[in-house]
Structures are given as structure tokens and as C-alpha cells.
């Protein structure tokens, strides 16, 4: 168990470092090889409601090709939350 705890601490440390040095493409991850990336930058702080057991997360979620740039200004609206199995 001590090795697992150390490994988790290292991953959390690496994540904290990434956040501390965040740039415009820190949370842009390649999908479909290196040609298309998915922007997972949070566009709004998480929303919680007391007693709801729900945390709403807002990600950019836009796909970008090589050389494309995106900013928070690209997000103009937030979708409504739909109650279904994929909203968990």
C-alpha cells in the first residue's frame, strides 16, 4: 500500500504542476492520432447544489485541427442539462 500511496501522490503532484503552469493548450488532448485534438479546458467553475449529489462540469469540448487555436471566448452558451443515463 505505501507504493500505491506514493504513486498517487506523484500523479497528483504532476497534475498540480500542470495546473500551476497552465497555458492555452494545457488541457487539449489528441484524439484520432495527431490530426485532431479535443479541448477539455473548463469554461466555467463547477456548480454544486446542496443535497443534489450532483456536480456540473463545463468543458470547452471543441475539436481542433492542427494549427487551430481556441479561447474561452469561443464558448458563447452552455447546454441545458438533460436527465438521462449519460448525464451521470
C-alpha atoms as a PDB file:
ATOM      1  CA  UNK A   1       0.000   0.000   0.000  1.00  0.00           C
ATOM      2  CA  UNK A   2       2.786   2.551   0.637  1.00  0.00           C
ATOM      3  CA  UNK A   3       3.892   2.189  -3.011  1.00  0.00           C
ATOM      4  CA  UNK A   4       0.340   2.892  -4.227  1.00  0.00           C
ATOM      5  CA  UNK A   5       0.088   5.964  -1.992  1.00  0.00           C
ATOM      6  CA  UNK A   6       3.417   7.250  -3.323  1.00  0.00           C
ATOM      7  CA  UNK A   7       2.345   6.659  -6.936  1.00  0.00           C
ATOM      8  CA  UNK A   8      -0.928   8.534  -6.370  1.00  0.00           C
ATOM      9  CA  UNK A   9       0.946  11.421  -4.697  1.00  0.00           C
ATOM     10  CA  UNK A  10       3.292  11.623  -7.697  1.00  0.00           C
ATOM     11  CA  UNK A  11       0.388  11.757 -10.167  1.00  0.00           C
ATOM     12  CA  UNK A  12      -1.375  14.437  -8.117  1.00  0.00           C
ATOM     13  CA  UNK A  13       1.879  16.404  -7.891  1.00  0.00           C
ATOM     14  CA  UNK A  14       2.307  16.234 -11.675  1.00  0.00           C
ATOM     15  CA  UNK A  15      -1.307  17.360 -12.183  1.00  0.00           C
ATOM     16  CA  UNK A  16      -0.857  20.266  -9.750  1.00  0.00           C
ATOM     17  CA  UNK A  17       2.291  21.323 -11.602  1.00  0.00           C
ATOM     18  CA  UNK A  18       0.408  21.206 -14.908  1.00  0.00           C
ATOM     19  CA  UNK A  19      -2.348  23.413 -13.471  1.00  0.00           C
ATOM     20  CA  UNK A  20       0.151  25.850 -11.928  1.00  0.00           C
ATOM     21  CA  UNK A  21       1.767  26.293 -15.367  1.00  0.00           C
ATOM     22  CA  UNK A  22      -1.480  26.245 -17.366  1.00  0.00           C
ATOM     23  CA  UNK A  23      -1.420  27.660 -20.869  1.00  0.00           C
ATOM     24  CA  UNK A  24      -3.901  27.839 -23.755  1.00  0.00           C
ATOM     25  CA  UNK A  25      -3.352  24.197 -24.740  1.00  0.00           C
ATOM     26  CA  UNK A  26      -2.674  22.536 -21.372  1.00  0.00           C
ATOM     27  CA  UNK A  27      -5.923  20.567 -21.476  1.00  0.00           C
ATOM     28  CA  UNK A  28      -6.077  19.922 -25.223  1.00  0.00           C
ATOM     29  CA  UNK A  29      -5.665  16.203 -25.848  1.00  0.00           C
ATOM     30  CA  UNK A  30      -5.007  14.437 -29.159  1.00  0.00           C
ATOM     31  CA  UNK A  31      -7.696  12.113 -30.471  1.00  0.00           C
ATOM     32  CA  UNK A  32      -7.603  10.208 -33.761  1.00  0.00           C
ATOM     33  CA  UNK A  33      -3.821  10.331 -33.863  1.00  0.00           C
ATOM     34  CA  UNK A  34      -2.175  13.733 -34.001  1.00  0.00           C
ATOM     35  CA  UNK A  35      -4.508  15.394 -36.509  1.00  0.00           C
ATOM     36  CA  UNK A  36      -7.437  16.322 -34.250  1.00  0.00           C
ATOM     37  CA  UNK A  37      -7.467  17.408 -30.612  1.00  0.00           C
ATOM     38  CA  UNK A  38     -10.254  17.754 -28.043  1.00  0.00           C
ATOM     39  CA  UNK A  39     -10.220  20.848 -25.845  1.00  0.00           C
ATOM     40  CA  UNK A  40     -11.093  19.838 -22.260  1.00  0.00           C
ATOM     41  CA  UNK A  41     -10.382  23.250 -20.725  1.00  0.00           C
ATOM     42  CA  UNK A  42     -13.020  24.118 -18.133  1.00  0.00           C
ATOM     43  CA  UNK A  43     -15.028  27.109 -19.324  1.00  0.00           C
ATOM     44  CA  UNK A  44     -16.847  27.789 -16.066  1.00  0.00           C
ATOM     45  CA  UNK A  45     -16.353  26.835 -12.430  1.00  0.00           C
ATOM     46  CA  UNK A  46     -18.082  23.600 -11.335  1.00  0.00           C
ATOM     47  CA  UNK A  47     -21.595  24.090  -9.976  1.00  0.00           C
ATOM     48  CA  UNK A  48     -22.917  22.175  -6.979  1.00  0.00           C
ATOM     49  CA  UNK A  49     -26.282  22.243  -5.240  1.00  0.00           C
ATOM     50  CA  UNK A  50     -26.637  21.258  -1.594  1.00  0.00           C
ATOM     51  CA  UNK A  51     -28.308  17.865  -1.258  1.00  0.00           C
ATOM     52  CA  UNK A  52     -28.346  17.138  -5.002  1.00  0.00           C
ATOM     53  CA  UNK A  53     -25.331  14.750  -5.116  1.00  0.00           C
ATOM     54  CA  UNK A  54     -24.527  16.440  -8.419  1.00  0.00           C
ATOM     55  CA  UNK A  55     -21.504  18.370  -9.651  1.00  0.00           C
ATOM     56  CA  UNK A  56     -21.921  20.094 -13.010  1.00  0.00           C
ATOM     57  CA  UNK A  57     -18.685  20.417 -15.002  1.00  0.00           C
ATOM     58  CA  UNK A  58     -18.346  22.639 -18.053  1.00  0.00           C
ATOM     59  CA  UNK A  59     -15.681  21.760 -20.603  1.00  0.00           C
ATOM     60  CA  UNK A  60     -14.866  23.551 -23.840  1.00  0.00           C
ATOM     61  CA  UNK A  61     -15.405  20.267 -25.730  1.00  0.00           C
ATOM     62  CA  UNK A  62     -14.483  21.671 -29.140  1.00  0.00           C
ATOM     63  CA  UNK A  63     -12.419  19.676 -31.601  1.00  0.00           C
ATOM     64  CA  UNK A  64      -9.490  21.454 -33.226  1.00  0.00           C
ATOM     65  CA  UNK A  65      -7.286  20.528 -36.148  1.00  0.00           C
ATOM     66  CA  UNK A  66      -3.542  21.057 -36.324  1.00  0.00           C
ATOM     67  CA  UNK A  67      -2.597  24.709 -36.036  1.00  0.00           C
ATOM     68  CA  UNK A  68      -6.034  25.846 -34.834  1.00  0.00           C
ATOM     69  CA  UNK A  69      -6.289  27.826 -31.636  1.00  0.00           C
ATOM     70  CA  UNK A  70      -9.260  28.270 -29.319  1.00  0.00           C
ATOM     71  CA  UNK A  71     -10.024  30.572 -26.435  1.00  0.00           C
ATOM     72  CA  UNK A  72     -12.682  30.805 -23.744  1.00  0.00           C
ATOM     73  CA  UNK A  73     -14.370  33.408 -25.962  1.00  0.00           C
ATOM     74  CA  UNK A  74     -15.283  30.602 -28.382  1.00  0.00           C
ATOM     75  CA  UNK A  75     -17.903  29.408 -25.859  1.00  0.00           C
ATOM     76  CA  UNK A  76     -20.990  31.596 -26.096  1.00  0.00           C
ATOM     77  CA  UNK A  77     -23.668  29.393 -24.475  1.00  0.00           C
ATOM     78  CA  UNK A  78     -23.899  26.413 -22.143  1.00  0.00           C
ATOM     79  CA  UNK A  79     -26.137  23.452 -22.964  1.00  0.00           C
ATOM     80  CA  UNK A  80     -29.043  22.570 -20.720  1.00  0.00           C
ATOM     81  CA  UNK A  81     -28.569  19.523 -18.509  1.00  0.00           C
ATOM     82  CA  UNK A  82     -30.675  16.617 -19.742  1.00  0.00           C
ATOM     83  CA  UNK A  83     -31.767  13.905 -17.313  1.00  0.00           C
ATOM     84  CA  UNK A  84     -30.705  10.585 -18.845  1.00  0.00           C
ATOM     85  CA  UNK A  85     -28.195   7.816 -18.294  1.00  0.00           C
ATOM     86  CA  UNK A  86     -25.355   9.733 -19.974  1.00  0.00           C
ATOM     87  CA  UNK A  87     -25.698  12.678 -17.590  1.00  0.00           C
ATOM     88  CA  UNK A  88     -24.104  10.780 -14.716  1.00  0.00           C
END
